[in-house]
N, C-alpha and C. Protein backbone atom coordinates (compact mmCIF):
# COMPACT_ATOMS: atom_id res chain seq x y z
N MET A 1 0.82 -1.18 0.00
CA MET A 1 0.00 0.00 0.00
C MET A 1 0.87 1.26 0.00
N ILE A 2 1.93 1.25 0.79
CA ILE A 2 2.83 2.40 0.86
C ILE A 2 3.52 2.59 -0.48
N LEU A 3 3.92 1.50 -1.11
CA LEU A 3 4.58 1.59 -2.41
C LEU A 3 3.66 2.21 -3.46
N LEU A 4 2.39 1.86 -3.43
CA LEU A 4 1.41 2.41 -4.37
C LEU A 4 1.27 3.92 -4.18
N LEU A 5 1.20 4.36 -2.94
CA LEU A 5 1.08 5.79 -2.67
C LEU A 5 2.35 6.54 -3.09
N ALA A 6 3.49 5.92 -2.89
CA ALA A 6 4.75 6.55 -3.29
C ALA A 6 4.82 6.65 -4.81
N THR A 7 4.30 5.68 -5.50
CA THR A 7 4.29 5.71 -6.95
C THR A 7 3.35 6.79 -7.47
N LEU A 8 2.20 6.94 -6.83
CA LEU A 8 1.24 7.95 -7.27
C LEU A 8 1.76 9.36 -7.01
N ALA A 9 2.58 9.53 -6.02
CA ALA A 9 3.08 10.86 -5.66
C ALA A 9 4.50 11.06 -6.20
N SER A 10 4.69 10.91 -7.49
CA SER A 10 6.01 11.13 -8.08
C SER A 10 5.93 12.25 -9.11
N ALA A 11 7.05 12.93 -9.29
CA ALA A 11 7.12 14.02 -10.26
C ALA A 11 6.95 13.44 -11.66
N SER A 12 6.49 14.29 -12.60
CA SER A 12 6.25 13.77 -13.93
C SER A 12 6.39 14.85 -15.00
N ILE A 13 6.55 14.37 -16.23
CA ILE A 13 6.57 15.22 -17.41
C ILE A 13 5.35 14.83 -18.24
N LEU A 14 4.47 15.79 -18.50
CA LEU A 14 3.28 15.53 -19.31
C LEU A 14 3.49 16.13 -20.69
N ILE A 15 3.19 15.35 -21.72
CA ILE A 15 3.37 15.80 -23.09
C ILE A 15 2.06 15.69 -23.83
N GLU A 16 1.69 16.76 -24.51
CA GLU A 16 0.47 16.79 -25.30
C GLU A 16 0.61 15.78 -26.44
N GLU A 17 -0.34 14.88 -26.57
CA GLU A 17 -0.27 13.84 -27.60
C GLU A 17 -1.23 14.16 -28.72
N PRO A 18 -1.04 13.71 -29.90
CA PRO A 18 0.17 13.10 -30.39
C PRO A 18 1.18 14.15 -30.83
N ALA A 19 2.45 13.88 -30.66
CA ALA A 19 3.51 14.78 -31.10
C ALA A 19 3.75 14.53 -32.59
N THR A 20 3.68 15.58 -33.40
CA THR A 20 3.83 15.47 -34.84
C THR A 20 4.86 16.48 -35.32
N VAL A 21 5.67 16.07 -36.29
CA VAL A 21 6.70 16.95 -36.85
C VAL A 21 6.05 18.23 -37.37
N GLY A 22 6.62 19.38 -36.99
CA GLY A 22 6.14 20.67 -37.48
C GLY A 22 4.99 21.28 -36.69
N GLU A 23 4.44 20.56 -35.71
CA GLU A 23 3.33 21.08 -34.92
C GLU A 23 3.79 21.28 -33.48
N GLU A 24 3.45 22.43 -32.91
CA GLU A 24 3.87 22.78 -31.56
C GLU A 24 3.25 21.84 -30.52
N VAL A 25 4.09 21.42 -29.56
CA VAL A 25 3.68 20.50 -28.51
C VAL A 25 3.89 21.19 -27.16
N GLU A 26 2.94 21.03 -26.26
CA GLU A 26 3.04 21.59 -24.91
C GLU A 26 3.61 20.54 -23.97
N ILE A 27 4.67 20.90 -23.25
CA ILE A 27 5.29 20.01 -22.27
C ILE A 27 5.10 20.65 -20.90
N THR A 28 4.57 19.87 -19.95
CA THR A 28 4.34 20.37 -18.59
C THR A 28 5.14 19.52 -17.61
N VAL A 29 5.87 20.19 -16.71
CA VAL A 29 6.67 19.50 -15.70
C VAL A 29 6.02 19.73 -14.34
N LEU A 30 5.67 18.61 -13.66
CA LEU A 30 4.98 18.68 -12.37
C LEU A 30 5.83 18.04 -11.28
N ASP A 31 5.69 18.54 -10.04
CA ASP A 31 6.41 17.94 -8.93
C ASP A 31 5.61 16.77 -8.37
N ASP A 32 6.08 16.23 -7.24
CA ASP A 32 5.43 15.04 -6.68
C ASP A 32 4.04 15.31 -6.11
N LEU A 33 3.66 16.58 -5.95
CA LEU A 33 2.31 16.93 -5.51
C LEU A 33 1.46 17.46 -6.66
N SER A 34 1.89 17.21 -7.88
CA SER A 34 1.23 17.64 -9.11
C SER A 34 1.14 19.16 -9.24
N ARG A 35 2.11 19.86 -8.68
CA ARG A 35 2.21 21.31 -8.84
C ARG A 35 3.24 21.60 -9.93
N PRO A 36 3.05 22.66 -10.70
CA PRO A 36 4.02 22.98 -11.76
C PRO A 36 5.38 23.34 -11.18
N ILE A 37 6.43 22.87 -11.84
CA ILE A 37 7.80 23.23 -11.45
C ILE A 37 8.21 24.41 -12.31
N VAL A 38 8.50 25.53 -11.67
CA VAL A 38 8.86 26.76 -12.38
C VAL A 38 10.37 26.82 -12.56
N GLY A 39 10.81 27.20 -13.75
CA GLY A 39 12.23 27.39 -14.02
C GLY A 39 13.02 26.11 -14.23
N ALA A 40 12.37 25.00 -14.53
CA ALA A 40 13.08 23.75 -14.78
C ALA A 40 13.63 23.75 -16.20
N PRO A 41 14.92 23.47 -16.37
CA PRO A 41 15.46 23.38 -17.73
C PRO A 41 14.93 22.12 -18.43
N VAL A 42 14.43 22.29 -19.64
CA VAL A 42 13.86 21.16 -20.39
C VAL A 42 14.69 20.97 -21.66
N ARG A 43 15.03 19.70 -21.93
CA ARG A 43 15.82 19.34 -23.11
C ARG A 43 15.17 18.15 -23.81
N VAL A 44 15.40 18.03 -25.10
CA VAL A 44 14.97 16.84 -25.84
C VAL A 44 16.19 16.21 -26.49
N ALA A 45 16.20 14.88 -26.52
CA ALA A 45 17.31 14.15 -27.13
C ALA A 45 16.77 13.23 -28.21
N HIS A 46 17.34 13.33 -29.41
CA HIS A 46 16.97 12.47 -30.53
C HIS A 46 18.00 11.36 -30.66
N ARG A 47 17.58 10.18 -31.09
CA ARG A 47 18.46 9.03 -31.32
C ARG A 47 19.24 8.67 -30.06
N VAL A 48 18.54 8.56 -28.94
CA VAL A 48 19.17 8.28 -27.65
C VAL A 48 19.88 6.93 -27.68
N GLY A 49 21.15 6.94 -27.28
CA GLY A 49 21.94 5.72 -27.22
C GLY A 49 22.50 5.27 -28.55
N LEU A 50 22.25 6.01 -29.62
CA LEU A 50 22.74 5.63 -30.95
C LEU A 50 23.79 6.63 -31.43
N THR A 51 24.52 6.24 -32.45
CA THR A 51 25.47 7.16 -33.06
C THR A 51 24.71 8.35 -33.62
N GLY A 52 25.20 9.53 -33.36
CA GLY A 52 24.53 10.73 -33.84
C GLY A 52 23.46 11.25 -32.90
N GLU A 53 23.52 10.85 -31.62
CA GLU A 53 22.54 11.36 -30.66
C GLU A 53 22.67 12.88 -30.58
N ARG A 54 21.53 13.56 -30.61
CA ARG A 54 21.52 15.03 -30.54
C ARG A 54 20.62 15.48 -29.42
N GLU A 55 21.08 16.48 -28.67
CA GLU A 55 20.26 17.03 -27.60
C GLU A 55 20.03 18.51 -27.87
N LEU A 56 18.80 18.94 -27.64
CA LEU A 56 18.41 20.32 -27.90
C LEU A 56 17.79 20.90 -26.63
N ALA A 57 18.28 22.06 -26.19
CA ALA A 57 17.72 22.73 -25.02
C ALA A 57 16.50 23.53 -25.46
N LEU A 58 15.36 23.29 -24.81
CA LEU A 58 14.13 23.99 -25.16
C LEU A 58 13.96 25.28 -24.36
N GLY A 59 14.51 25.32 -23.16
CA GLY A 59 14.39 26.50 -22.32
C GLY A 59 13.89 26.13 -20.94
N LEU A 60 13.50 27.14 -20.17
CA LEU A 60 13.01 26.96 -18.81
C LEU A 60 11.49 26.98 -18.79
N THR A 61 10.91 26.20 -17.88
CA THR A 61 9.45 26.19 -17.76
C THR A 61 8.95 27.52 -17.21
N ASP A 62 7.74 27.90 -17.60
CA ASP A 62 7.14 29.17 -17.16
C ASP A 62 6.42 28.98 -15.81
N ALA A 63 5.61 29.93 -15.42
CA ALA A 63 4.89 29.89 -14.14
C ALA A 63 3.91 28.73 -14.06
N ARG A 64 3.48 28.21 -15.19
CA ARG A 64 2.56 27.06 -15.22
C ARG A 64 3.31 25.74 -15.38
N GLY A 65 4.66 25.80 -15.33
CA GLY A 65 5.47 24.59 -15.49
C GLY A 65 5.51 24.10 -16.92
N GLN A 66 5.27 25.00 -17.87
CA GLN A 66 5.16 24.60 -19.27
C GLN A 66 6.26 25.20 -20.13
N VAL A 67 6.56 24.47 -21.18
CA VAL A 67 7.46 24.93 -22.22
C VAL A 67 6.90 24.36 -23.53
N TYR A 68 7.15 25.04 -24.63
CA TYR A 68 6.61 24.59 -25.93
C TYR A 68 7.74 24.15 -26.84
N TRP A 69 7.44 23.15 -27.68
CA TRP A 69 8.45 22.56 -28.55
C TRP A 69 7.81 22.19 -29.87
N THR A 70 8.50 22.51 -30.96
CA THR A 70 8.06 22.10 -32.30
C THR A 70 9.05 21.08 -32.83
N PRO A 71 8.69 19.79 -32.85
CA PRO A 71 9.61 18.75 -33.32
C PRO A 71 10.01 18.97 -34.78
N THR A 72 11.28 18.71 -35.08
CA THR A 72 11.78 18.86 -36.44
C THR A 72 12.02 17.52 -37.12
N GLN A 73 12.02 16.43 -36.35
CA GLN A 73 12.21 15.10 -36.95
C GLN A 73 11.39 14.08 -36.19
N GLY A 74 11.01 13.03 -36.91
CA GLY A 74 10.19 11.98 -36.31
C GLY A 74 11.03 10.94 -35.61
N GLY A 75 10.35 10.03 -34.93
CA GLY A 75 11.03 8.95 -34.23
C GLY A 75 10.89 9.07 -32.73
N ARG A 76 11.63 8.21 -32.03
CA ARG A 76 11.60 8.22 -30.57
C ARG A 76 12.48 9.35 -30.05
N THR A 77 11.92 10.14 -29.15
CA THR A 77 12.63 11.28 -28.59
C THR A 77 12.47 11.24 -27.08
N GLN A 78 13.55 11.53 -26.38
CA GLN A 78 13.49 11.56 -24.92
C GLN A 78 13.42 13.01 -24.45
N VAL A 79 12.43 13.31 -23.60
CA VAL A 79 12.26 14.64 -23.03
C VAL A 79 12.82 14.58 -21.61
N ARG A 80 13.71 15.54 -21.28
CA ARG A 80 14.37 15.55 -19.98
C ARG A 80 14.13 16.89 -19.29
N ALA A 81 13.83 16.83 -17.99
CA ALA A 81 13.67 18.02 -17.17
C ALA A 81 14.20 17.68 -15.78
N ARG A 82 15.25 18.36 -15.35
CA ARG A 82 15.92 18.04 -14.09
C ARG A 82 16.30 16.58 -14.08
N GLU A 83 15.89 15.82 -13.04
CA GLU A 83 16.23 14.40 -12.98
C GLU A 83 15.17 13.52 -13.64
N LEU A 84 14.13 14.12 -14.20
CA LEU A 84 13.04 13.39 -14.84
C LEU A 84 13.32 13.18 -16.33
N SER A 85 12.77 12.10 -16.85
CA SER A 85 12.84 11.90 -18.31
C SER A 85 11.68 11.00 -18.73
N THR A 86 11.24 11.19 -19.96
CA THR A 86 10.19 10.35 -20.54
C THR A 86 10.44 10.26 -22.04
N THR A 87 10.00 9.18 -22.63
CA THR A 87 10.19 8.97 -24.07
C THR A 87 8.86 9.19 -24.79
N VAL A 88 8.93 9.89 -25.90
CA VAL A 88 7.73 10.17 -26.69
C VAL A 88 8.00 9.79 -28.14
N ARG A 89 6.98 9.33 -28.82
CA ARG A 89 7.08 8.99 -30.24
C ARG A 89 6.58 10.19 -31.03
N VAL A 90 7.46 10.74 -31.87
CA VAL A 90 7.09 11.88 -32.72
C VAL A 90 6.72 11.32 -34.09
N HIS A 91 5.51 11.60 -34.54
CA HIS A 91 5.01 11.08 -35.81
C HIS A 91 5.37 12.02 -36.96
N ASP A 92 5.72 11.43 -38.10
CA ASP A 92 5.97 12.21 -39.31
C ASP A 92 4.65 12.54 -39.97
N LYS A 93 4.59 13.69 -40.67
CA LYS A 93 3.38 14.04 -41.40
C LYS A 93 3.22 13.17 -42.64
N THR A 94 4.32 12.81 -43.25
CA THR A 94 4.29 11.97 -44.45
C THR A 94 5.02 10.67 -44.15
N PRO A 95 4.62 9.58 -44.80
CA PRO A 95 5.33 8.33 -44.58
C PRO A 95 6.76 8.42 -45.10
N PRO A 96 7.68 7.66 -44.54
CA PRO A 96 9.06 7.70 -45.01
C PRO A 96 9.18 7.23 -46.45
N ALA A 97 10.23 7.66 -47.14
CA ALA A 97 10.42 7.35 -48.56
C ALA A 97 10.42 5.86 -48.86
N PRO A 98 11.08 5.00 -48.09
CA PRO A 98 11.03 3.56 -48.41
C PRO A 98 9.62 3.01 -48.43
N THR A 99 8.74 3.52 -47.59
CA THR A 99 7.35 3.06 -47.57
C THR A 99 6.66 3.42 -48.88
N LEU A 100 6.90 4.64 -49.36
CA LEU A 100 6.29 5.07 -50.62
C LEU A 100 6.82 4.25 -51.80
N VAL A 101 8.11 3.96 -51.80
CA VAL A 101 8.70 3.15 -52.89
C VAL A 101 8.10 1.76 -52.87
N LEU A 102 8.01 1.14 -51.70
CA LEU A 102 7.43 -0.20 -51.59
C LEU A 102 5.97 -0.21 -52.03
N LEU A 103 5.22 0.80 -51.67
CA LEU A 103 3.83 0.91 -52.07
C LEU A 103 3.71 1.04 -53.59
N GLY A 104 4.58 1.83 -54.20
CA GLY A 104 4.59 1.98 -55.66
C GLY A 104 4.93 0.69 -56.38
N LEU A 105 5.93 -0.03 -55.88
CA LEU A 105 6.30 -1.31 -56.49
C LEU A 105 5.19 -2.34 -56.36
N THR A 106 4.50 -2.34 -55.23
CA THR A 106 3.38 -3.27 -55.04
C THR A 106 2.26 -2.97 -56.03
N ALA A 107 1.95 -1.69 -56.23
CA ALA A 107 0.90 -1.31 -57.18
C ALA A 107 1.30 -1.68 -58.61
N LEU A 108 2.56 -1.45 -58.95
CA LEU A 108 3.04 -1.79 -60.29
C LEU A 108 2.99 -3.29 -60.53
N THR A 109 3.38 -4.08 -59.55
CA THR A 109 3.33 -5.54 -59.67
C THR A 109 1.88 -6.01 -59.86
N GLY A 110 0.96 -5.45 -59.10
CA GLY A 110 -0.45 -5.81 -59.25
C GLY A 110 -0.99 -5.47 -60.62
N LEU A 111 -0.58 -4.33 -61.17
CA LEU A 111 -1.01 -3.93 -62.50
C LEU A 111 -0.49 -4.89 -63.57
N VAL A 112 0.79 -5.22 -63.48
CA VAL A 112 1.38 -6.15 -64.46
C VAL A 112 0.71 -7.52 -64.38
N LEU A 113 0.54 -8.04 -63.18
CA LEU A 113 -0.11 -9.35 -63.04
C LEU A 113 -1.55 -9.32 -63.53
N GLY A 114 -2.25 -8.23 -63.30
CA GLY A 114 -3.62 -8.10 -63.78
C GLY A 114 -3.69 -8.09 -65.31
N LEU A 115 -2.75 -7.38 -65.95
CA LEU A 115 -2.72 -7.36 -67.41
C LEU A 115 -2.36 -8.72 -67.98
N LEU A 116 -1.44 -9.43 -67.32
CA LEU A 116 -1.09 -10.78 -67.79
C LEU A 116 -2.26 -11.75 -67.65
N ALA A 117 -3.07 -11.58 -66.65
CA ALA A 117 -4.22 -12.46 -66.44
C ALA A 117 -5.30 -12.21 -67.49
N LEU A 118 -5.39 -11.00 -68.04
CA LEU A 118 -6.41 -10.67 -69.04
C LEU A 118 -6.01 -11.11 -70.45
N ARG A 119 -4.74 -11.36 -70.66
CA ARG A 119 -4.25 -11.76 -71.98
C ARG A 119 -4.78 -13.15 -72.32
N PRO A 120 -5.26 -13.35 -73.56
CA PRO A 120 -5.76 -14.69 -73.93
C PRO A 120 -4.60 -15.70 -73.94
N PRO A 121 -4.91 -16.94 -73.59
CA PRO A 121 -3.85 -17.95 -73.55
C PRO A 121 -3.35 -18.26 -74.96
N ARG A 122 -2.09 -18.66 -75.05
CA ARG A 122 -1.51 -19.03 -76.35
C ARG A 122 -2.03 -20.40 -76.75
N ARG A 123 -2.31 -20.53 -78.03
CA ARG A 123 -2.75 -21.84 -78.53
C ARG A 123 -1.53 -22.62 -78.97
N ARG A 124 -1.54 -23.85 -78.55
CA ARG A 124 -0.42 -24.72 -78.93
C ARG A 124 -0.73 -25.36 -80.28
N ALA A 125 0.27 -25.44 -81.07
CA ALA A 125 0.10 -26.09 -82.39
C ALA A 125 0.01 -27.60 -82.16
N ARG A 126 -0.98 -28.22 -82.82
CA ARG A 126 -1.13 -29.66 -82.68
C ARG A 126 -0.20 -30.36 -83.66
N ARG A 127 0.38 -31.38 -83.16
CA ARG A 127 1.25 -32.17 -84.04
C ARG A 127 0.41 -33.21 -84.77
N SER A 128 0.70 -33.34 -86.01
CA SER A 128 -0.05 -34.36 -86.76
C SER A 128 0.60 -35.73 -86.56
N PRO A 129 -0.25 -36.77 -86.46
CA PRO A 129 0.31 -38.12 -86.26
C PRO A 129 1.05 -38.59 -87.51
N LYS A 130 2.09 -39.29 -87.35
CA LYS A 130 2.90 -39.77 -88.47
C LYS A 130 2.53 -41.12 -88.93
């Protein structure tokens, strides 16, 4: 029971969902009593744990514990504020290029197979008995 209460009373980072590339997202940082944390430095990290990891400082939270962020790339992003962190999935507005190429190839294959199915079958020449 004590563990449950301790879990419920923990600081948190709230992120407006869904996060989409090019659209502003509201991030709210709350303390363990669900009060806004004022002046907390907020950062986002892209490609966490991978080669090319990038971290961007968003700024300090305002009087409401909020800071705003406009994602520039899709994928998994970690939002950090003080000792807190949470991972958010940023959605792309358009599907990635490999998806479009695969979709195009699938449509082309279906078209070719459909045209081959409509073609009349070839007639085999009958051999005359000797």
